[in-house]
Amino acid sequence: MERMALEEEFIAEDQLIEAMRMVNEAVRRAHKTGLDVRADIITGYLDARPMPQITFWTTNRERRA
């Protein structure tokens, strides 16, 4: 059981790393086109543990992403 939990953690960590690369690439691309990008970190709670969520805004269109 412990090995499966470690594998799950490893997979989850890899997904976070890849997601951050993709987010950073998207923000750079938006910035190059002239869009103003704002990121907000919102902390929610799941099973009484804090769980951060990131929301992105492009202020040029007042659109939430």
PDB file of N, CA and C in Angstrom:
ATOM      1  N   MET A   1       0.827  -1.204   0.000  1.00  0.00           N
ATOM      2  CA  MET A   1       0.000   0.000   0.000  1.00  0.00           C
ATOM      3  C   MET A   1       0.867   1.262   0.000  1.00  0.00           C
ATOM      4  N   GLU A   2       1.944   1.260   0.755  1.00  0.00           N
ATOM      5  CA  GLU A   2       2.834   2.412   0.834  1.00  0.00           C
ATOM      6  C   GLU A   2       3.450   2.740  -0.529  1.00  0.00           C
ATOM      7  N   ARG A   3       3.829   1.703  -1.268  1.00  0.00           N
ATOM      8  CA  ARG A   3       4.445   1.920  -2.579  1.00  0.00           C
ATOM      9  C   ARG A   3       3.474   2.619  -3.534  1.00  0.00           C
ATOM     10  N   MET A   4       2.201   2.210  -3.490  1.00  0.00           N
ATOM     11  CA  MET A   4       1.206   2.839  -4.355  1.00  0.00           C
ATOM     12  C   MET A   4       1.032   4.308  -3.994  1.00  0.00           C
ATOM     13  N   ALA A   5       1.056   4.623  -2.714  1.00  0.00           N
ATOM     14  CA  ALA A   5       0.923   6.013  -2.279  1.00  0.00           C
ATOM     15  C   ALA A   5       2.107   6.833  -2.769  1.00  0.00           C
ATOM     16  N   LEU A   6       3.307   6.274  -2.701  1.00  0.00           N
ATOM     17  CA  LEU A   6       4.496   6.984  -3.185  1.00  0.00           C
ATOM     18  C   LEU A   6       4.426   7.198  -4.696  1.00  0.00           C
ATOM     19  N   GLU A   7       3.955   6.193  -5.420  1.00  0.00           N
ATOM     20  CA  GLU A   7       3.804   6.336  -6.870  1.00  0.00           C
ATOM     21  C   GLU A   7       2.789   7.424  -7.196  1.00  0.00           C
ATOM     22  N   GLU A   8       1.684   7.462  -6.469  1.00  0.00           N
ATOM     23  CA  GLU A   8       0.653   8.493  -6.663  1.00  0.00           C
ATOM     24  C   GLU A   8       1.245   9.877  -6.415  1.00  0.00           C
ATOM     25  N   GLU A   9       2.037  10.017  -5.350  1.00  0.00           N
ATOM     26  CA  GLU A   9       2.681  11.300  -5.056  1.00  0.00           C
ATOM     27  C   GLU A   9       3.629  11.694  -6.176  1.00  0.00           C
ATOM     28  N   PHE A  10       4.389  10.741  -6.682  1.00  0.00           N
ATOM     29  CA  PHE A  10       5.337  11.011  -7.763  1.00  0.00           C
ATOM     30  C   PHE A  10       4.604  11.481  -9.017  1.00  0.00           C
ATOM     31  N   ILE A  11       3.527  10.796  -9.360  1.00  0.00           N
ATOM     32  CA  ILE A  11       2.727  11.172 -10.532  1.00  0.00           C
ATOM     33  C   ILE A  11       2.122  12.559 -10.336  1.00  0.00           C
ATOM     34  N   ALA A  12       1.582  12.813  -9.152  1.00  0.00           N
ATOM     35  CA  ALA A  12       0.974  14.118  -8.873  1.00  0.00           C
ATOM     36  C   ALA A  12       2.014  15.231  -8.969  1.00  0.00           C
ATOM     37  N   GLU A  13       3.203  14.981  -8.438  1.00  0.00           N
ATOM     38  CA  GLU A  13       4.264  15.993  -8.503  1.00  0.00           C
ATOM     39  C   GLU A  13       4.670  16.259  -9.947  1.00  0.00           C
ATOM     40  N   ASP A  14       4.806  15.208 -10.754  1.00  0.00           N
ATOM     41  CA  ASP A  14       5.130  15.380 -12.181  1.00  0.00           C
ATOM     42  C   ASP A  14       4.057  16.193 -12.891  1.00  0.00           C
ATOM     43  N   GLN A  15       2.791  15.947 -12.572  1.00  0.00           N
ATOM     44  CA  GLN A  15       1.699  16.694 -13.191  1.00  0.00           C
ATOM     45  C   GLN A  15       1.770  18.167 -12.809  1.00  0.00           C
ATOM     46  N   LEU A  16       2.094  18.450 -11.547  1.00  0.00           N
ATOM     47  CA  LEU A  16       2.215  19.849 -11.115  1.00  0.00           C
ATOM     48  C   LEU A  16       3.352  20.552 -11.849  1.00  0.00           C
ATOM     49  N   ILE A  17       4.470  19.873 -11.998  1.00  0.00           N
ATOM     50  CA  ILE A  17       5.618  20.465 -12.703  1.00  0.00           C
ATOM     51  C   ILE A  17       5.250  20.771 -14.147  1.00  0.00           C
ATOM     52  N   GLU A  18       4.624  19.824 -14.823  1.00  0.00           N
ATOM     53  CA  GLU A  18       4.227  20.027 -16.221  1.00  0.00           C
ATOM     54  C   GLU A  18       3.179  21.132 -16.338  1.00  0.00           C
ATOM     55  N   ALA A  19       2.224  21.161 -15.424  1.00  0.00           N
ATOM     56  CA  ALA A  19       1.197  22.203 -15.446  1.00  0.00           C
ATOM     57  C   ALA A  19       1.816  23.582 -15.262  1.00  0.00           C
ATOM     58  N   MET A  20       2.790  23.701 -14.368  1.00  0.00           N
ATOM     59  CA  MET A  20       3.432  24.995 -14.140  1.00  0.00           C
ATOM     60  C   MET A  20       4.203  25.450 -15.380  1.00  0.00           C
ATOM     61  N   ARG A  21       4.858  24.504 -16.057  1.00  0.00           N
ATOM     62  CA  ARG A  21       5.538  24.859 -17.315  1.00  0.00           C
ATOM     63  C   ARG A  21       4.538  25.407 -18.336  1.00  0.00           C
ATOM     64  N   MET A  22       3.404  24.734 -18.452  1.00  0.00           N
ATOM     65  CA  MET A  22       2.386  25.157 -19.413  1.00  0.00           C
ATOM     66  C   MET A  22       1.805  26.524 -19.036  1.00  0.00           C
ATOM     67  N   VAL A  23       1.546  26.731 -17.752  1.00  0.00           N
ATOM     68  CA  VAL A  23       1.009  28.017 -17.294  1.00  0.00           C
ATOM     69  C   VAL A  23       2.009  29.128 -17.570  1.00  0.00           C
ATOM     70  N   ASN A  24       3.270  28.908 -17.224  1.00  0.00           N
ATOM     71  CA  ASN A  24       4.282  29.937 -17.457  1.00  0.00           C
ATOM     72  C   ASN A  24       4.422  30.263 -18.937  1.00  0.00           C
ATOM     73  N   GLU A  25       4.364  29.248 -19.791  1.00  0.00           N
ATOM     74  CA  GLU A  25       4.432  29.476 -21.234  1.00  0.00           C
ATOM     75  C   GLU A  25       3.232  30.301 -21.714  1.00  0.00           C
ATOM     76  N   ALA A  26       2.045  29.993 -21.217  1.00  0.00           N
ATOM     77  CA  ALA A  26       0.842  30.733 -21.603  1.00  0.00           C
ATOM     78  C   ALA A  26       0.909  32.184 -21.126  1.00  0.00           C
ATOM     79  N   VAL A  27       1.404  32.410 -19.932  1.00  0.00           N
ATOM     80  CA  VAL A  27       1.524  33.773 -19.407  1.00  0.00           C
ATOM     81  C   VAL A  27       2.538  34.560 -20.234  1.00  0.00           C
ATOM     82  N   ARG A  28       3.685  33.944 -20.560  1.00  0.00           N
ATOM     83  CA  ARG A  28       4.682  34.633 -21.405  1.00  0.00           C
ATOM     84  C   ARG A  28       4.090  34.992 -22.764  1.00  0.00           C
ATOM     85  N   ARG A  29       3.351  34.047 -23.342  1.00  0.00           N
ATOM     86  CA  ARG A  29       2.746  34.289 -24.663  1.00  0.00           C
ATOM     87  C   ARG A  29       1.735  35.433 -24.587  1.00  0.00           C
ATOM     88  N   ALA A  30       0.899  35.419 -23.573  1.00  0.00           N
ATOM     89  CA  ALA A  30      -0.090  36.488 -23.402  1.00  0.00           C
ATOM     90  C   ALA A  30       0.598  37.828 -23.210  1.00  0.00           C
ATOM     91  N   HIS A  31       1.661  37.840 -22.416  1.00  0.00           N
ATOM     92  CA  HIS A  31       2.406  39.080 -22.164  1.00  0.00           C
ATOM     93  C   HIS A  31       3.004  39.630 -23.460  1.00  0.00           C
ATOM     94  N   LYS A  32       3.554  38.743 -24.292  1.00  0.00           N
ATOM     95  CA  LYS A  32       4.150  39.176 -25.561  1.00  0.00           C
ATOM     96  C   LYS A  32       3.116  39.802 -26.493  1.00  0.00           C
ATOM     97  N   THR A  33       1.855  39.368 -26.390  1.00  0.00           N
ATOM     98  CA  THR A  33       0.815  39.920 -27.261  1.00  0.00           C
ATOM     99  C   THR A  33       0.242  41.220 -26.716  1.00  0.00           C
ATOM    100  N   GLY A  34       0.678  41.609 -25.514  1.00  0.00           N
ATOM    101  CA  GLY A  34       0.195  42.860 -24.948  1.00  0.00           C
ATOM    102  C   GLY A  34      -0.900  42.707 -23.914  1.00  0.00           C
ATOM    103  N   LEU A  35      -1.323  41.478 -23.650  1.00  0.00           N
ATOM    104  CA  LEU A  35      -2.341  41.274 -22.625  1.00  0.00           C
ATOM    105  C   LEU A  35      -1.746  41.490 -21.240  1.00  0.00           C
ATOM    106  N   ASP A  36      -2.521  42.107 -20.382  1.00  0.00           N
ATOM    107  CA  ASP A  36      -2.138  42.224 -18.983  1.00  0.00           C
ATOM    108  C   ASP A  36      -2.718  41.011 -18.260  1.00  0.00           C
ATOM    109  N   VAL A  37      -1.866  40.260 -17.606  1.00  0.00           N
ATOM    110  CA  VAL A  37      -2.293  39.042 -16.928  1.00  0.00           C
ATOM    111  C   VAL A  37      -2.180  39.240 -15.424  1.00  0.00           C
ATOM    112  N   ARG A  38      -3.220  38.881 -14.709  1.00  0.00           N
ATOM    113  CA  ARG A  38      -3.211  38.938 -13.249  1.00  0.00           C
ATOM    114  C   ARG A  38      -3.519  37.542 -12.726  1.00  0.00           C
ATOM    115  N   ALA A  39      -2.783  37.127 -11.717  1.00  0.00           N
ATOM    116  CA  ALA A  39      -3.016  35.822 -11.097  1.00  0.00           C
ATOM    117  C   ALA A  39      -3.399  36.034  -9.645  1.00  0.00           C
ATOM    118  N   ASP A  40      -4.438  35.359  -9.217  1.00  0.00           N
ATOM    119  CA  ASP A  40      -4.873  35.394  -7.823  1.00  0.00           C
ATOM    120  C   ASP A  40      -4.766  33.986  -7.254  1.00  0.00           C
ATOM    121  N   ILE A  41      -4.257  33.891  -6.039  1.00  0.00           N
ATOM    122  CA  ILE A  41      -4.220  32.608  -5.346  1.00  0.00           C
ATOM    123  C   ILE A  41      -5.322  32.609  -4.305  1.00  0.00           C
ATOM    124  N   ILE A  42      -6.190  31.639  -4.419  1.00  0.00           N
ATOM    125  CA  ILE A  42      -7.318  31.503  -3.501  1.00  0.00           C
ATOM    126  C   ILE A  42      -7.099  30.207  -2.721  1.00  0.00           C
ATOM    127  N   THR A  43      -7.261  30.260  -1.430  1.00  0.00           N
ATOM    128  CA  THR A  43      -7.088  29.060  -0.624  1.00  0.00           C
ATOM    129  C   THR A  43      -8.447  28.489  -0.251  1.00  0.00           C
ATOM    130  N   GLY A  44      -8.694  27.297  -0.738  1.00  0.00           N
ATOM    131  CA  GLY A  44      -9.893  26.566  -0.358  1.00  0.00           C
ATOM    132  C   GLY A  44      -9.488  25.485   0.633  1.00  0.00           C
ATOM    133  N   TYR A  45     -10.443  24.784   1.144  1.00  0.00           N
ATOM    134  CA  TYR A  45     -10.138  23.720   2.105  1.00  0.00           C
ATOM    135  C   TYR A  45     -10.795  22.430   1.664  1.00  0.00           C
ATOM    136  N   LEU A  46     -10.026  21.371   1.687  1.00  0.00           N
ATOM    137  CA  LEU A  46     -10.503  20.047   1.339  1.00  0.00           C
ATOM    138  C   LEU A  46     -10.086  19.118   2.470  1.00  0.00           C
ATOM    139  N   ASP A  47     -11.035  18.476   3.075  1.00  0.00           N
ATOM    140  CA  ASP A  47     -10.756  17.605   4.232  1.00  0.00           C
ATOM    141  C   ASP A  47      -9.992  18.363   5.316  1.00  0.00           C
ATOM    142  N   ALA A  48     -10.393  19.604   5.550  1.00  0.00           N
ATOM    143  CA  ALA A  48      -9.820  20.471   6.586  1.00  0.00           C
ATOM    144  C   ALA A  48      -8.354  20.826   6.331  1.00  0.00           C
ATOM    145  N   ARG A  49      -7.873  20.593   5.118  1.00  0.00           N
ATOM    146  CA  ARG A  49      -6.506  20.975   4.762  1.00  0.00           C
ATOM    147  C   ARG A  49      -6.562  22.064   3.704  1.00  0.00           C
ATOM    148  N   PRO A  50      -5.674  23.065   3.800  1.00  0.00           N
ATOM    149  CA  PRO A  50      -5.681  24.125   2.788  1.00  0.00           C
ATOM    150  C   PRO A  50      -5.288  23.583   1.408  1.00  0.00           C
ATOM    151  N   MET A  51      -6.010  24.069   0.402  1.00  0.00           N
ATOM    152  CA  MET A  51      -5.736  23.662  -0.967  1.00  0.00           C
ATOM    153  C   MET A  51      -5.738  24.918  -1.853  1.00  0.00           C
ATOM    154  N   PRO A  52      -4.557  25.371  -2.280  1.00  0.00           N
ATOM    155  CA  PRO A  52      -4.505  26.584  -3.099  1.00  0.00           C
ATOM    156  C   PRO A  52      -5.073  26.354  -4.499  1.00  0.00           C
ATOM    157  N   GLN A  53      -5.743  27.378  -5.004  1.00  0.00           N
ATOM    158  CA  GLN A  53      -6.243  27.379  -6.375  1.00  0.00           C
ATOM    159  C   GLN A  53      -5.788  28.687  -7.005  1.00  0.00           C
ATOM    160  N   ILE A  54      -5.424  28.627  -8.268  1.00  0.00           N
ATOM    161  CA  ILE A  54      -4.923  29.809  -8.967  1.00  0.00           C
ATOM    162  C   ILE A  54      -5.940  30.222 -10.019  1.00  0.00           C
ATOM    163  N   THR A  55      -6.281  31.498 -10.027  1.00  0.00           N
ATOM    164  CA  THR A  55      -7.182  32.058 -11.022  1.00  0.00           C
ATOM    165  C   THR A  55      -6.412  33.109 -11.813  1.00  0.00           C
ATOM    166  N   PHE A  56      -6.555  33.084 -13.129  1.00  0.00           N
ATOM    167  CA  PHE A  56      -5.887  34.062 -13.989  1.00  0.00           C
ATOM    168  C   PHE A  56      -6.917  34.994 -14.604  1.00  0.00           C
ATOM    169  N   TRP A  57      -6.541  36.250 -14.716  1.00  0.00           N
ATOM    170  CA  TRP A  57      -7.382  37.276 -15.329  1.00  0.00           C
ATOM    171  C   TRP A  57      -6.587  37.953 -16.434  1.00  0.00           C
ATOM    172  N   THR A  58      -7.249  38.237 -17.531  1.00  0.00           N
ATOM    173  CA  THR A  58      -6.665  39.101 -18.549  1.00  0.00           C
ATOM    174  C   THR A  58      -7.428  40.413 -18.457  1.00  0.00           C
ATOM    175  N   THR A  59      -6.781  41.424 -17.949  1.00  0.00           N
ATOM    176  CA  THR A  59      -7.466  42.679 -17.664  1.00  0.00           C
ATOM    177  C   THR A  59      -7.879  43.439 -18.917  1.00  0.00           C
ATOM    178  N   ASN A  60      -7.235  43.166 -20.048  1.00  0.00           N
ATOM    179  CA  ASN A  60      -7.588  43.854 -21.278  1.00  0.00           C
ATOM    180  C   ASN A  60      -9.031  43.564 -21.689  1.00  0.00           C
ATOM    181  N   ARG A  61      -9.487  42.357 -21.437  1.00  0.00           N
ATOM    182  CA  ARG A  61     -10.844  41.964 -21.818  1.00  0.00           C
ATOM    183  C   ARG A  61     -11.750  41.760 -20.624  1.00  0.00           C
ATOM    184  N   GLU A  62     -11.186  41.989 -19.440  1.00  0.00           N
ATOM    185  CA  GLU A  62     -11.923  41.747 -18.207  1.00  0.00           C
ATOM    186  C   GLU A  62     -12.550  40.357 -18.226  1.00  0.00           C
ATOM    187  N   ARG A  63     -11.750  39.414 -18.578  1.00  0.00           N
ATOM    188  CA  ARG A  63     -12.200  38.036 -18.740  1.00  0.00           C
ATOM    189  C   ARG A  63     -11.436  37.144 -17.787  1.00  0.00           C
ATOM    190  N   ARG A  64     -12.137  36.276 -17.136  1.00  0.00           N
ATOM    191  CA  ARG A  64     -11.516  35.364 -16.192  1.00  0.00           C
ATOM    192  C   ARG A  64     -11.139  34.066 -16.912  1.00  0.00           C
ATOM    193  N   ALA A  65      -9.947  33.587 -16.598  1.00  0.00           N
ATOM    194  CA  ALA A  65      -9.494  32.331 -17.219  1.00  0.00           C
ATOM    195  C   ALA A  65      -9.259  31.298 -16.135  1.00  0.00           C
TER     196      ALA A  65
END
